[in-house]
Structure formats: C-alpha cells, structure tokens
N, C-alpha and C. Protein backbone atom coordinates (compact mmCIF):
# COMPACT_ATOMS: atom_id res chain seq x y z
N UNK A 1 53.08 225.80 -119.20
CA UNK A 1 52.76 224.34 -118.83
C UNK A 1 51.44 224.45 -120.28
N UNK A 2 51.55 223.48 -120.94
CA UNK A 2 50.89 223.77 -121.81
C UNK A 2 49.23 223.01 -121.12
N UNK A 3 48.19 223.64 -122.32
CA UNK A 3 46.45 222.67 -122.06
C UNK A 3 46.50 221.53 -121.59
N UNK A 4 47.35 220.62 -122.33
CA UNK A 4 46.94 219.14 -122.10
C UNK A 4 46.91 218.44 -120.51
N UNK A 5 45.97 217.17 -120.79
CA UNK A 5 46.16 217.09 -119.70
C UNK A 5 47.16 216.29 -119.52
N UNK A 6 47.78 215.71 -117.69
CA UNK A 6 48.63 215.09 -117.50
C UNK A 6 48.16 213.60 -117.66
N UNK A 7 48.78 212.90 -118.25
CA UNK A 7 49.06 211.32 -118.58
C UNK A 7 49.10 211.19 -117.57
N UNK A 8 48.40 209.98 -116.26
CA UNK A 8 49.06 208.75 -115.47
C UNK A 8 49.03 207.49 -115.71
N UNK A 9 49.65 207.12 -115.04
CA UNK A 9 49.89 205.99 -115.21
C UNK A 9 49.90 204.67 -114.04
N UNK A 10 49.16 203.97 -113.87
CA UNK A 10 48.28 203.13 -112.91
C UNK A 10 49.50 201.72 -113.50
N UNK A 11 49.89 201.77 -112.20
CA UNK A 11 50.52 200.19 -112.62
C UNK A 11 49.87 198.67 -112.33
N UNK A 12 48.90 198.74 -110.56
CA UNK A 12 48.48 198.04 -110.13
C UNK A 12 46.99 198.36 -109.36
N UNK A 13 46.20 198.32 -110.49
CA UNK A 13 44.55 198.81 -109.70
C UNK A 13 44.30 197.84 -108.62
N UNK A 14 44.74 196.40 -108.61
CA UNK A 14 44.29 195.79 -107.53
C UNK A 14 44.30 195.77 -106.49
N UNK A 15 44.10 195.19 -105.47
CA UNK A 15 44.17 195.39 -103.92
C UNK A 15 44.94 194.36 -103.54
N UNK A 16 46.00 194.62 -102.66
CA UNK A 16 47.69 193.83 -103.15
C UNK A 16 46.64 192.17 -102.23
N UNK A 17 45.32 192.56 -101.43
CA UNK A 17 44.36 191.35 -100.90
C UNK A 17 44.34 190.36 -102.40
N UNK A 18 43.92 190.56 -103.53
CA UNK A 18 43.79 189.78 -104.77
C UNK A 18 44.88 189.05 -105.34
N UNK A 19 46.25 189.62 -105.26
CA UNK A 19 46.92 189.47 -106.09
C UNK A 19 47.86 187.91 -105.49
N UNK A 20 48.56 186.72 -106.09
CA UNK A 20 48.98 185.93 -105.68
C UNK A 20 50.05 186.45 -106.63
N UNK A 21 51.00 185.74 -106.32
CA UNK A 21 53.16 186.10 -106.36
C UNK A 21 53.12 187.11 -107.10
N UNK A 22 52.75 187.97 -106.74
CA UNK A 22 52.50 189.51 -107.03
C UNK A 22 51.96 190.23 -108.14
N UNK A 23 50.77 188.81 -109.21
CA UNK A 23 50.26 188.79 -110.57
C UNK A 23 48.89 188.98 -110.36
N UNK A 24 48.34 189.83 -110.66
CA UNK A 24 46.81 189.93 -110.54
C UNK A 24 46.07 188.84 -110.65
N UNK A 25 44.75 188.56 -110.08
CA UNK A 25 44.02 187.66 -110.34
C UNK A 25 42.65 188.19 -111.33
N UNK A 26 43.10 187.58 -111.82
CA UNK A 26 41.91 187.51 -113.40
C UNK A 26 41.11 186.88 -113.53
N UNK A 27 39.67 187.42 -113.89
CA UNK A 27 38.66 187.01 -113.59
C UNK A 27 38.55 185.44 -115.02
N UNK A 28 37.88 184.59 -114.97
CA UNK A 28 37.78 183.61 -116.14
C UNK A 28 35.94 184.68 -116.98
N UNK A 29 36.09 184.16 -118.93
CA UNK A 29 35.84 184.82 -119.42
C UNK A 29 34.68 184.42 -119.38
N UNK A 30 33.60 185.52 -120.11
CA UNK A 30 32.23 184.65 -119.04
C UNK A 30 31.65 184.00 -119.85
N UNK A 31 30.84 183.06 -119.05
CA UNK A 31 30.66 182.02 -119.75
C UNK A 31 29.01 182.29 -120.79
N UNK A 32 29.11 181.96 -122.42
CA UNK A 32 28.57 181.80 -123.37
C UNK A 32 26.97 181.75 -122.70
N UNK A 33 26.27 180.63 -122.27
CA UNK A 33 25.39 180.18 -121.85
C UNK A 33 24.97 179.43 -122.96
N UNK A 34 23.90 178.49 -123.31
CA UNK A 34 23.28 177.04 -123.89
C UNK A 34 23.51 177.92 -125.48
N UNK A 35 24.49 176.87 -126.10
CA UNK A 35 23.80 177.29 -127.71
C UNK A 35 21.84 177.12 -128.19
N UNK A 36 22.20 178.26 -128.90
CA UNK A 36 21.31 178.14 -129.30
C UNK A 36 20.84 177.56 -130.90
N UNK A 37 19.91 176.45 -130.97
CA UNK A 37 19.46 176.38 -132.24
C UNK A 37 18.78 176.92 -132.51
N UNK A 38 19.00 176.80 -134.20
CA UNK A 38 18.48 177.52 -135.00
C UNK A 38 18.18 176.70 -135.60
N UNK A 39 16.72 176.89 -136.38
CA UNK A 39 15.89 175.66 -136.98
C UNK A 39 17.35 174.82 -138.29
N UNK A 40 16.81 173.72 -138.49
CA UNK A 40 17.27 173.22 -139.84
C UNK A 40 17.36 173.51 -141.18
N UNK A 41 17.74 174.10 -142.14
CA UNK A 41 17.54 174.39 -143.07
C UNK A 41 18.37 173.34 -144.26
N UNK A 42 17.21 173.14 -145.32
CA UNK A 42 17.23 171.93 -146.18
C UNK A 42 16.82 172.72 -147.62
N UNK A 43 18.38 172.61 -148.56
CA UNK A 43 18.43 172.75 -149.74
C UNK A 43 17.76 171.85 -150.40
N UNK A 44 16.49 171.65 -151.13
CA UNK A 44 16.17 170.75 -152.22
C UNK A 44 15.98 171.42 -153.73
N UNK A 45 16.45 170.72 -154.40
CA UNK A 45 15.54 171.39 -155.84
C UNK A 45 14.89 171.05 -155.99
N UNK A 46 14.07 171.88 -156.74
CA UNK A 46 12.54 172.10 -156.99
C UNK A 46 12.34 171.58 -157.97
N UNK A 47 11.47 170.10 -158.23
CA UNK A 47 10.60 170.26 -159.19
C UNK A 47 9.39 170.54 -159.68
N UNK A 48 9.36 171.53 -160.72
CA UNK A 48 7.87 171.86 -160.88
C UNK A 48 6.55 170.99 -160.38
N UNK A 49 5.69 171.95 -159.81
CA UNK A 49 4.53 171.38 -159.96
C UNK A 49 4.86 170.40 -158.66
N UNK A 50 5.40 170.49 -157.30
CA UNK A 50 6.18 169.84 -156.00
C UNK A 50 6.10 171.01 -155.06
N UNK A 51 5.40 169.99 -153.93
CA UNK A 51 5.26 171.05 -153.14
C UNK A 51 6.32 170.54 -151.75
N UNK A 52 7.00 171.24 -151.28
CA UNK A 52 8.31 170.85 -150.57
C UNK A 52 7.96 171.15 -148.95
N UNK A 53 7.80 170.56 -147.96
CA UNK A 53 7.71 171.41 -146.38
C UNK A 53 9.10 170.43 -145.51
N UNK A 54 9.22 171.44 -145.02
CA UNK A 54 10.69 170.96 -144.19
C UNK A 54 10.27 171.45 -142.75
N UNK A 55 10.41 170.14 -141.37
CA UNK A 55 10.31 171.10 -140.42
C UNK A 55 11.37 171.04 -139.25
N UNK A 56 11.48 171.80 -138.83
CA UNK A 56 12.37 172.10 -137.79
C UNK A 56 12.34 170.45 -136.43
N UNK A 57 13.65 170.19 -135.81
CA UNK A 57 13.54 168.81 -135.58
C UNK A 57 12.19 168.94 -134.40
N UNK A 58 11.99 167.51 -133.94
CA UNK A 58 10.70 167.42 -132.60
C UNK A 58 11.02 167.31 -131.01
N UNK A 59 11.27 168.05 -130.73
CA UNK A 59 11.53 167.75 -129.14
C UNK A 59 10.94 167.22 -128.44
N UNK A 60 11.79 166.45 -127.84
CA UNK A 60 10.73 164.72 -126.88
C UNK A 60 11.26 165.20 -125.48
N UNK A 61 9.93 165.46 -124.63
CA UNK A 61 10.60 165.87 -123.08
C UNK A 61 9.99 164.51 -122.72
N UNK A 62 11.15 164.20 -121.38
CA UNK A 62 10.11 163.26 -120.78
C UNK A 62 10.45 163.16 -120.02
N UNK A 63 8.57 162.49 -119.48
CA UNK A 63 8.53 163.11 -117.74
C UNK A 63 8.41 161.92 -116.26
N UNK A 64 8.76 162.14 -115.40
CA UNK A 64 9.25 161.59 -114.19
C UNK A 64 7.38 160.64 -114.26
N UNK A 65 8.18 159.68 -113.76
CA UNK A 65 7.40 158.30 -113.19
C UNK A 65 6.74 158.75 -112.06
N UNK A 66 5.33 159.05 -111.94
CA UNK A 66 4.98 159.30 -110.43
C UNK A 66 3.95 157.96 -109.89
N UNK A 67 4.08 158.18 -109.17
CA UNK A 67 3.79 157.01 -107.95
C UNK A 67 2.29 157.53 -107.48
N UNK A 68 1.51 156.44 -106.85
CA UNK A 68 0.54 156.85 -106.19
C UNK A 68 0.53 157.88 -105.00
N UNK A 69 1.93 157.93 -104.10
CA UNK A 69 2.15 159.04 -103.22
C UNK A 69 3.05 159.95 -104.01
N UNK A 70 2.97 161.12 -102.95
CA UNK A 70 3.18 162.33 -103.32
C UNK A 70 5.01 162.22 -103.65
N UNK A 71 5.34 162.72 -104.39
CA UNK A 71 6.99 162.33 -104.94
C UNK A 71 7.74 163.81 -104.73
N UNK A 72 8.93 163.88 -104.69
CA UNK A 72 10.23 165.16 -104.79
C UNK A 72 10.27 164.76 -106.07
N UNK A 73 9.73 166.32 -107.01
CA UNK A 73 10.29 166.13 -108.23
C UNK A 73 10.15 168.24 -108.67
N UNK A 74 10.81 168.50 -109.70
CA UNK A 74 11.52 169.89 -109.91
C UNK A 74 10.10 170.51 -110.65
N UNK A 75 9.03 171.10 -110.15
CA UNK A 75 8.62 171.93 -111.20
C UNK A 75 8.46 172.67 -112.72
N UNK A 76 7.74 172.08 -113.45
CA UNK A 76 8.99 172.51 -114.48
C UNK A 76 8.11 174.42 -114.85
N UNK A 77 6.52 174.63 -114.25
CA UNK A 77 6.94 175.66 -114.29
C UNK A 77 7.25 176.61 -113.76
N UNK A 78 7.65 176.24 -112.70
CA UNK A 78 8.03 177.57 -111.60
C UNK A 78 9.61 177.37 -110.97
N UNK A 79 10.06 175.84 -111.70
CA UNK A 79 10.98 175.65 -111.82
C UNK A 79 11.97 175.62 -110.10
N UNK A 80 11.26 175.00 -108.85
CA UNK A 80 11.36 175.06 -107.99
C UNK A 80 11.20 172.78 -107.49
N UNK A 81 12.34 173.34 -106.34
CA UNK A 81 11.91 171.72 -106.38
C UNK A 81 10.76 171.09 -104.82
N UNK A 82 9.98 170.27 -105.24
CA UNK A 82 8.60 170.54 -104.20
C UNK A 82 8.27 169.10 -104.37
N UNK A 83 7.50 169.04 -102.92
CA UNK A 83 6.66 167.60 -103.13
C UNK A 83 5.50 168.15 -103.65
N UNK A 84 4.80 166.95 -104.29
CA UNK A 84 3.74 166.89 -104.87
C UNK A 84 2.47 166.61 -104.01
N UNK A 85 1.51 167.41 -104.59
CA UNK A 85 0.24 167.68 -103.32
C UNK A 85 -0.33 165.99 -104.37
N UNK A 86 -1.04 165.79 -104.11
CA UNK A 86 -1.85 164.12 -104.70
C UNK A 86 -3.74 165.15 -104.71
N UNK A 87 -4.28 164.49 -105.65
CA UNK A 87 -5.93 164.63 -105.61
C UNK A 87 -6.32 162.93 -106.41
N UNK A 88 -6.82 161.93 -105.06
CA UNK A 88 -8.20 160.86 -106.49
C UNK A 88 -8.67 161.55 -107.01
N UNK A 89 -8.67 160.94 -108.56
CA UNK A 89 -10.34 161.02 -109.22
C UNK A 89 -10.51 159.76 -109.67
N UNK A 90 -11.60 159.24 -109.80
CA UNK A 90 -12.55 158.30 -111.13
C UNK A 90 -11.53 158.40 -112.07
N UNK A 91 -11.49 157.22 -112.84
CA UNK A 91 -11.76 156.74 -114.48
C UNK A 91 -12.96 155.76 -114.62
N UNK A 92 -12.38 156.02 -115.96
CA UNK A 92 -12.57 155.13 -117.03
C UNK A 92 -13.38 153.75 -116.24
N UNK A 93 -11.89 153.21 -116.18
CA UNK A 93 -12.50 151.82 -115.54
C UNK A 93 -13.40 152.30 -113.83
N UNK A 94 -13.37 152.85 -113.01
CA UNK A 94 -13.99 152.86 -111.97
C UNK A 94 -15.80 152.99 -112.98
N UNK A 95 -16.54 154.01 -113.28
CA UNK A 95 -17.31 153.65 -114.03
C UNK A 95 -18.13 152.80 -114.68
N UNK A 96 -16.96 151.51 -115.13
CA UNK A 96 -16.95 150.45 -115.95
C UNK A 96 -17.36 149.74 -114.73
N UNK A 97 -16.76 149.82 -113.87
CA UNK A 97 -16.51 148.58 -112.61
C UNK A 97 -18.15 148.93 -112.51
N UNK A 98 -18.56 149.60 -111.46
CA UNK A 98 -19.91 149.97 -111.35
C UNK A 98 -20.69 149.61 -111.47
N UNK A 99 -20.63 150.18 -113.26
CA UNK A 99 -22.18 149.38 -114.30
C UNK A 99 -22.11 148.35 -114.06
N UNK A 100 -20.42 147.46 -114.56
CA UNK A 100 -20.57 145.96 -114.09
C UNK A 100 -21.26 145.19 -112.53
N UNK A 101 -21.07 145.79 -111.88
CA UNK A 101 -22.47 145.40 -110.48
C UNK A 101 -22.84 145.25 -110.38
N UNK A 102 -23.58 146.93 -111.02
CA UNK A 102 -25.76 147.29 -111.29
C UNK A 102 -25.56 145.96 -111.71
N UNK A 103 -25.62 145.96 -113.28
CA UNK A 103 -25.99 144.61 -114.46
C UNK A 103 -26.39 143.67 -113.58
N UNK A 104 -25.11 143.17 -113.20
CA UNK A 104 -24.70 142.02 -112.10
C UNK A 104 -25.60 141.62 -111.27
N UNK A 105 -26.33 142.43 -110.75
CA UNK A 105 -27.50 142.76 -109.30
C UNK A 105 -26.97 142.91 -107.87
N UNK A 106 -25.15 142.72 -108.06
CA UNK A 106 -25.08 143.99 -106.92
C UNK A 106 -25.27 144.72 -106.75
N UNK A 107 -26.37 145.71 -106.77
CA UNK A 107 -26.33 147.03 -106.63
C UNK A 107 -25.83 147.95 -105.73
N UNK A 108 -25.96 147.02 -104.51
CA UNK A 108 -25.39 147.86 -102.89
C UNK A 108 -24.08 147.66 -102.67
N UNK A 109 -23.29 147.61 -103.94
CA UNK A 109 -21.21 147.36 -103.99
C UNK A 109 -21.12 148.12 -105.24
N UNK A 110 -22.41 148.67 -105.33
CA UNK A 110 -21.85 149.93 -106.82
C UNK A 110 -21.00 150.92 -106.15
N UNK A 111 -20.66 151.14 -105.75
CA UNK A 111 -20.27 152.51 -104.35
C UNK A 111 -18.57 151.51 -103.90
N UNK A 112 -18.59 151.08 -104.05
CA UNK A 112 -17.53 149.76 -103.68
C UNK A 112 -16.13 150.59 -104.90
N UNK A 113 -16.26 150.59 -105.63
CA UNK A 113 -15.00 150.70 -106.69
C UNK A 113 -14.68 152.81 -106.67
N UNK A 114 -15.34 153.11 -106.44
CA UNK A 114 -15.41 154.84 -106.30
C UNK A 114 -14.44 154.61 -104.54
N UNK A 115 -14.18 153.70 -104.01
CA UNK A 115 -13.66 153.64 -102.43
C UNK A 115 -12.74 152.83 -102.57
N UNK A 116 -12.10 151.88 -103.56
CA UNK A 116 -11.00 150.84 -103.75
C UNK A 116 -10.02 152.50 -104.61
N UNK A 117 -9.10 152.21 -104.34
CA UNK A 117 -7.81 152.80 -104.74
C UNK A 117 -7.18 152.39 -106.39
N UNK A 118 -7.34 151.06 -106.17
CA UNK A 118 -6.84 150.50 -107.54
C UNK A 118 -7.87 151.14 -109.00
N UNK A 119 -9.05 151.15 -108.54
CA UNK A 119 -9.65 151.98 -109.41
C UNK A 119 -9.93 153.64 -109.56
N UNK A 120 -8.39 153.89 -108.48
CA UNK A 120 -8.69 155.46 -108.99
C UNK A 120 -8.03 155.85 -109.72
N UNK A 121 -7.72 156.76 -110.51
CA UNK A 121 -6.26 157.44 -110.92
C UNK A 121 -5.59 158.72 -109.61
N UNK A 122 -4.21 158.68 -109.58
CA UNK A 122 -3.93 160.19 -108.59
C UNK A 122 -3.49 160.99 -109.47
N UNK A 123 -3.50 161.92 -109.66
CA UNK A 123 -2.75 163.23 -110.05
C UNK A 123 -1.87 164.53 -109.53
N UNK A 124 -0.94 164.50 -109.77
CA UNK A 124 0.27 164.92 -109.02
C UNK A 124 0.47 166.81 -108.87
N UNK A 125 0.34 167.61 -108.54
CA UNK A 125 0.09 168.72 -108.09
C UNK A 125 1.52 169.40 -108.13
N UNK A 126 1.86 170.71 -108.46
CA UNK A 126 2.94 171.42 -107.63
C UNK A 126 2.14 171.90 -106.57
N UNK A 127 2.99 172.08 -105.33
CA UNK A 127 2.33 172.72 -104.08
C UNK A 127 2.93 173.91 -104.30
N UNK A 128 3.26 175.00 -104.58
CA UNK A 128 4.17 176.46 -104.68
C UNK A 128 3.61 177.12 -105.97
N UNK A 129 3.07 176.17 -107.47
CA UNK A 129 2.42 177.47 -108.21
C UNK A 129 1.20 176.47 -108.39
N UNK A 130 0.35 175.14 -108.26
CA UNK A 130 -0.46 174.43 -108.11
C UNK A 130 -0.72 173.48 -109.30
N UNK A 131 0.33 173.94 -110.76
CA UNK A 131 0.57 173.12 -112.42
C UNK A 131 0.50 171.64 -111.93
N UNK A 132 -0.48 171.08 -112.84
CA UNK A 132 -0.21 169.86 -112.86
C UNK A 132 1.01 169.23 -113.43
N UNK A 133 1.61 168.64 -112.75
CA UNK A 133 2.93 167.76 -112.94
C UNK A 133 2.74 166.22 -113.69
N UNK A 134 1.46 165.31 -113.44
CA UNK A 134 1.77 164.31 -113.72
C UNK A 134 1.11 163.20 -113.16
N UNK A 135 -0.01 162.70 -113.30
CA UNK A 135 -1.35 161.43 -113.10
C UNK A 135 -0.09 159.93 -113.19
N UNK A 136 -0.65 159.11 -111.72
CA UNK A 136 -1.05 157.50 -111.95
C UNK A 136 -1.57 157.44 -111.57
N UNK A 137 -1.90 155.77 -112.64
CA UNK A 137 -3.40 155.24 -112.89
C UNK A 137 -2.78 153.84 -112.35
N UNK A 138 -3.36 153.00 -111.36
CA UNK A 138 -2.74 151.57 -110.55
C UNK A 138 -3.02 150.81 -112.24
C-alpha cells in the first residue's frame, strides 16, 4: 500500500430525476447584466492656447403624464407599482385670478379660485415611500 490517496471516478453527480435522455441537464450561462456604459473619450489634437471640454452623453428621463386623479405607476424611488396619492395646491394662476377679482370689485368672490379645480395644481406622491412622482395642471 502506498501513501497516495485513491482516485475516485464520478460518472454522474446529478440525480436521475434531473436527467433527460440519460444526459445531465445543464443550466444556462449566467446573465452578464446590463452593459456598463463608460464615458466616451474623444481624441482631439490640441492647438496651443485653446481649451477643449468634453461632456458625457446626456441622459433623458421621460416622465409619465399625470392626470387630476390618482394614477397607477411605478415609483422611481422605491421601484414598486403604486397608486399615487394626490394633493391639490394653489398656483400662480389661482393667486392672479383672485387678485383680478379683487381689483374688479368682486371682493366677495375672491375665494372662488381657491375652490375651483381648474385653478389648482395636483401633485402626485408615492403612497409607499412618499416620494414626489409628478404634477398636473389644468
């Protein structure tokens, strides 16, 4: 007997329930994830006395159009699908309409623009984390 360990041969380590046609099932290769974008580098021949500034490409975020009622959307802060919470607030149009009514002598009607939906803006907030989602103005 020698001191070397005995070599064991493993023919099939997977159970028979995972095999199809007496061949082991192999898992697909791992997903590499989204491509990592690196800032583009431009090679420029510099002329003495000039300054060259390069900027990375701009990222454009398109927001979902909100309405006056609560909307179903995905919160960009907590990444959950939610129904937004809405709050109405007066806008500059509300204050200018009230001022115009006051200047025209209709001072008893000054509070009307604060009660009319078309003079108010509607802000949408996430019901889960409270983040601002967007706003709607009539």
